[in-house]
C-alpha atoms as a PDB file:
ATOM      1  CA  MET A   1      -8.788 -29.712  26.353  1.00  0.00           C
ATOM      2  CA  LYS A   2      -7.719 -30.897  22.929  1.00  0.00           C
ATOM      3  CA  ARG A   3     -10.663 -32.586  21.238  1.00  0.00           C
ATOM      4  CA  VAL A   4      -9.770 -34.319  17.957  1.00  0.00           C
ATOM      5  CA  THR A   5      -6.228 -35.650  17.628  1.00  0.00           C
ATOM      6  CA  GLY A   6      -6.484 -37.232  14.167  1.00  0.00           C
ATOM      7  CA  ILE A   7      -8.594 -39.286  11.806  1.00  0.00           C
ATOM      8  CA  GLY A   8      -9.126 -42.850  12.945  1.00  0.00           C
ATOM      9  CA  GLY A   9     -11.066 -44.034   9.930  1.00  0.00           C
ATOM     10  CA  VAL A  10     -13.052 -43.283   6.811  1.00  0.00           C
ATOM     11  CA  PHE A  11     -16.046 -45.474   6.043  1.00  0.00           C
ATOM     12  CA  ILE A  12     -18.079 -45.547   2.815  1.00  0.00           C
ATOM     13  CA  LYS A  13     -21.369 -47.287   1.960  1.00  0.00           C
ATOM     14  CA  SER A  14     -21.735 -49.095  -1.356  1.00  0.00           C
ATOM     15  CA  ALA A  15     -24.396 -51.180  -3.109  1.00  0.00           C
ATOM     16  CA  ASP A  16     -21.508 -53.464  -4.149  1.00  0.00           C
ATOM     17  CA  PRO A  17     -18.757 -53.312  -1.492  1.00  0.00           C
ATOM     18  CA  GLU A  18     -16.560 -55.948  -3.171  1.00  0.00           C
ATOM     19  CA  ARG A  19     -16.575 -54.069  -6.493  1.00  0.00           C
ATOM     20  CA  LEU A  20     -15.762 -50.786  -4.769  1.00  0.00           C
ATOM     21  CA  ARG A  21     -12.939 -52.322  -2.706  1.00  0.00           C
ATOM     22  CA  ALA A  22     -11.488 -53.888  -5.877  1.00  0.00           C
ATOM     23  CA  TRP A  23     -11.615 -50.517  -7.674  1.00  0.00           C
ATOM     24  CA  TYR A  24      -9.721 -48.786  -4.864  1.00  0.00           C
ATOM     25  CA  GLN A  25      -7.219 -51.631  -4.755  1.00  0.00           C
ATOM     26  CA  ARG A  26      -6.617 -51.660  -8.514  1.00  0.00           C
ATOM     27  CA  HIS A  27      -6.709 -47.966  -9.324  1.00  0.00           C
ATOM     28  CA  LEU A  28      -5.479 -46.316  -6.117  1.00  0.00           C
ATOM     29  CA  GLY A  29      -3.241 -49.096  -4.845  1.00  0.00           C
ATOM     30  CA  LEU A  30      -4.917 -49.687  -1.482  1.00  0.00           C
ATOM     31  CA  GLU A  31      -3.490 -52.781   0.201  1.00  0.00           C
ATOM     32  CA  LEU A  32      -6.616 -54.561   1.401  1.00  0.00           C
ATOM     33  CA  GLN A  33      -6.444 -56.654   4.549  1.00  0.00           C
ATOM     34  CA  PRO A  34      -8.137 -60.075   4.851  1.00  0.00           C
ATOM     35  CA  TRP A  35     -11.051 -58.402   6.677  1.00  0.00           C
ATOM     36  CA  GLY A  36     -11.706 -56.196   3.623  1.00  0.00           C
ATOM     37  CA  GLY A  37     -10.394 -52.771   4.580  1.00  0.00           C
ATOM     38  CA  ALA A  38      -7.070 -50.979   4.454  1.00  0.00           C
ATOM     39  CA  VAL A  39      -4.873 -49.613   7.234  1.00  0.00           C
ATOM     40  CA  PHE A  40      -2.632 -46.571   6.854  1.00  0.00           C
ATOM     41  CA  LEU A  41       0.123 -46.503   9.476  1.00  0.00           C
ATOM     42  CA  TRP A  42       1.589 -43.171  10.546  1.00  0.00           C
ATOM     43  CA  ARG A  43       3.754 -41.577  13.195  1.00  0.00           C
ATOM     44  CA  ASP A  44       2.675 -38.484  15.108  1.00  0.00           C
ATOM     45  CA  GLY A  45       5.361 -35.825  14.887  1.00  0.00           C
ATOM     46  CA  GLY A  46       4.337 -34.158  18.142  1.00  0.00           C
ATOM     47  CA  GLU A  47       6.272 -33.797  21.356  1.00  0.00           C
ATOM     48  CA  HIS A  48       5.274 -37.304  22.464  1.00  0.00           C
ATOM     49  CA  ALA A  49       5.645 -39.050  19.097  1.00  0.00           C
ATOM     50  CA  ALA A  50       3.347 -42.028  18.876  1.00  0.00           C
ATOM     51  CA  GLU A  51       2.445 -44.524  16.193  1.00  0.00           C
ATOM     52  CA  GLY A  52      -1.093 -44.690  14.925  1.00  0.00           C
ATOM     53  CA  ALA A  53      -3.303 -46.031  12.184  1.00  0.00           C
ATOM     54  CA  THR A  54      -6.173 -44.794  10.058  1.00  0.00           C
ATOM     55  CA  VAL A  55      -8.629 -47.413   8.826  1.00  0.00           C
ATOM     56  CA  TRP A  56     -10.482 -47.303   5.498  1.00  0.00           C
ATOM     57  CA  ASN A  57     -13.387 -49.647   4.827  1.00  0.00           C
ATOM     58  CA  VAL A  58     -16.546 -50.115   2.790  1.00  0.00           C
ATOM     59  CA  PHE A  59     -19.897 -51.008   4.354  1.00  0.00           C
ATOM     60  CA  ASP A  60     -22.864 -52.531   2.560  1.00  0.00           C
ATOM     61  CA  ALA A  61     -25.387 -49.873   1.447  1.00  0.00           C
ATOM     62  CA  GLY A  62     -27.996 -51.482   3.739  1.00  0.00           C
ATOM     63  CA  SER A  63     -25.833 -51.137   6.853  1.00  0.00           C
ATOM     64  CA  THR A  64     -27.501 -49.321   9.734  1.00  0.00           C
ATOM     65  CA  TYR A  65     -24.171 -48.498  11.400  1.00  0.00           C
ATOM     66  CA  PHE A  66     -24.291 -44.867  10.171  1.00  0.00           C
ATOM     67  CA  ASP A  67     -27.927 -44.377  11.312  1.00  0.00           C
ATOM     68  CA  PRO A  68     -29.641 -42.050  11.829  1.00  0.00           C
ATOM     69  CA  SER A  69     -27.496 -40.301   9.201  1.00  0.00           C
ATOM     70  CA  PRO A  70     -28.648 -40.731   5.597  1.00  0.00           C
ATOM     71  CA  ALA A  71     -25.084 -40.065   4.356  1.00  0.00           C
ATOM     72  CA  GLY A  72     -23.127 -42.676   2.457  1.00  0.00           C
ATOM     73  CA  PHE A  73     -19.975 -42.033   4.488  1.00  0.00           C
ATOM     74  CA  MET A  74     -18.800 -41.593   8.064  1.00  0.00           C
ATOM     75  CA  VAL A  75     -15.537 -40.219   9.415  1.00  0.00           C
ATOM     76  CA  ASN A  76     -14.076 -41.568  12.659  1.00  0.00           C
ATOM     77  CA  TYR A  77     -12.022 -39.048  14.635  1.00  0.00           C
ATOM     78  CA  ARG A  78      -9.446 -39.981  17.277  1.00  0.00           C
ATOM     79  CA  VAL A  79      -9.773 -38.403  20.724  1.00  0.00           C
ATOM     80  CA  ASP A  80      -7.730 -38.750  23.908  1.00  0.00           C
ATOM     81  CA  ASP A  81     -10.626 -38.520  26.393  1.00  0.00           C
ATOM     82  CA  LEU A  82     -13.967 -39.641  24.938  1.00  0.00           C
ATOM     83  CA  ASP A  83     -15.991 -38.898  28.078  1.00  0.00           C
ATOM     84  CA  ALA A  84     -14.681 -35.326  28.314  1.00  0.00           C
ATOM     85  CA  VAL A  85     -15.314 -34.624  24.619  1.00  0.00           C
ATOM     86  CA  LEU A  86     -18.858 -36.050  24.772  1.00  0.00           C
ATOM     87  CA  ALA A  87     -19.602 -34.029  27.922  1.00  0.00           C
ATOM     88  CA  ALA A  88     -18.346 -30.830  26.271  1.00  0.00           C
ATOM     89  CA  LEU A  89     -20.448 -31.497  23.158  1.00  0.00           C
ATOM     90  CA  ARG A  90     -23.553 -32.100  25.287  1.00  0.00           C
ATOM     91  CA  ALA A  91     -22.915 -28.876  27.224  1.00  0.00           C
ATOM     92  CA  GLU A  92     -22.710 -27.034  23.902  1.00  0.00           C
ATOM     93  CA  GLY A  93     -26.119 -28.389  22.861  1.00  0.00           C
ATOM     94  CA  CYS A  94     -24.910 -30.893  20.273  1.00  0.00           C
ATOM     95  CA  ASN A  95     -26.948 -33.981  19.369  1.00  0.00           C
ATOM     96  CA  VAL A  96     -24.855 -36.651  21.140  1.00  0.00           C
ATOM     97  CA  ASP A  97     -25.820 -40.332  21.081  1.00  0.00           C
ATOM     98  CA  GLU A  98     -26.286 -41.619  24.644  1.00  0.00           C
ATOM     99  CA  ARG A  99     -24.663 -44.949  23.743  1.00  0.00           C
ATOM    100  CA  VAL A 100     -20.928 -45.494  24.224  1.00  0.00           C
ATOM    101  CA  GLU A 101     -19.252 -48.746  23.163  1.00  0.00           C
ATOM    102  CA  ASP A 102     -16.267 -50.182  25.019  1.00  0.00           C
ATOM    103  CA  GLY A 103     -14.218 -53.033  23.556  1.00  0.00           C
ATOM    104  CA  GLU A 104     -10.782 -54.339  22.709  1.00  0.00           C
ATOM    105  CA  LEU A 105     -10.472 -51.775  19.884  1.00  0.00           C
ATOM    106  CA  GLY A 106     -11.137 -48.885  22.266  1.00  0.00           C
ATOM    107  CA  ARG A 107     -14.112 -46.691  23.136  1.00  0.00           C
ATOM    108  CA  PHE A 108     -16.594 -45.273  20.628  1.00  0.00           C
ATOM    109  CA  GLY A 109     -19.164 -42.476  20.858  1.00  0.00           C
ATOM    110  CA  TRP A 110     -21.183 -40.537  18.287  1.00  0.00           C
ATOM    111  CA  VAL A 111     -22.488 -37.040  17.593  1.00  0.00           C
ATOM    112  CA  MET A 112     -24.533 -35.675  14.681  1.00  0.00           C
ATOM    113  CA  ASP A 113     -23.191 -32.626  12.841  1.00  0.00           C
ATOM    114  CA  PRO A 114     -25.556 -29.813  11.760  1.00  0.00           C
ATOM    115  CA  ASP A 115     -26.003 -31.421   8.304  1.00  0.00           C
ATOM    116  CA  GLY A 116     -27.200 -34.698   9.847  1.00  0.00           C
ATOM    117  CA  ASN A 117     -23.959 -36.648   9.336  1.00  0.00           C
ATOM    118  CA  ARG A 118     -23.075 -39.161  12.023  1.00  0.00           C
ATOM    119  CA  VAL A 119     -19.580 -38.478  13.387  1.00  0.00           C
ATOM    120  CA  GLU A 120     -17.793 -41.285  15.204  1.00  0.00           C
ATOM    121  CA  LEU A 121     -15.389 -40.436  18.030  1.00  0.00           C
ATOM    122  CA  TRP A 122     -12.817 -43.055  18.982  1.00  0.00           C
ATOM    123  CA  GLN A 123     -10.563 -43.253  21.994  1.00  0.00           C
ATOM    124  CA  PRO A 124      -7.930 -45.891  21.172  1.00  0.00           C
ATOM    125  CA  PRO A 125      -7.105 -48.428  23.873  1.00  0.00           C
ATOM    126  CA  ALA A 126      -4.224 -47.625  26.191  1.00  0.00           C
ATOM    127  CA  PRO A 127      -0.926 -49.017  24.926  1.00  0.00           C
ATOM    128  CA  PRO A 128       0.110 -52.271  26.603  1.00  0.00           C
ATOM    129  CA  GLY A 129       2.519 -51.923  29.417  1.00  0.00           C
END
């Protein structure tokens, strides 16, 4: 079973999210969307070429979304089968959050790495059709 298929997003905490977004926009050329983050579109060069996106966004320093991790960042990894990956991680003794979120953006689950960083796993929604 292939586990991670790509990076779905990179999220950073900041005491001043607007200032940080503006810095990235001005100095690194990020094209910010109306919701505040940036989206990088890409095309998978594999056998079954598919289009995808990686999201970049800044969270307020007081956000609890990364909890229980004390880190100021979180990486979101794309997976094809969230349930299978979470089951494998549990079987390997990893610290897997029991909660799974399902919504229009897909399915989300979390695991803590050995350094205490919260890792987000994302199964994108099935393509329409």
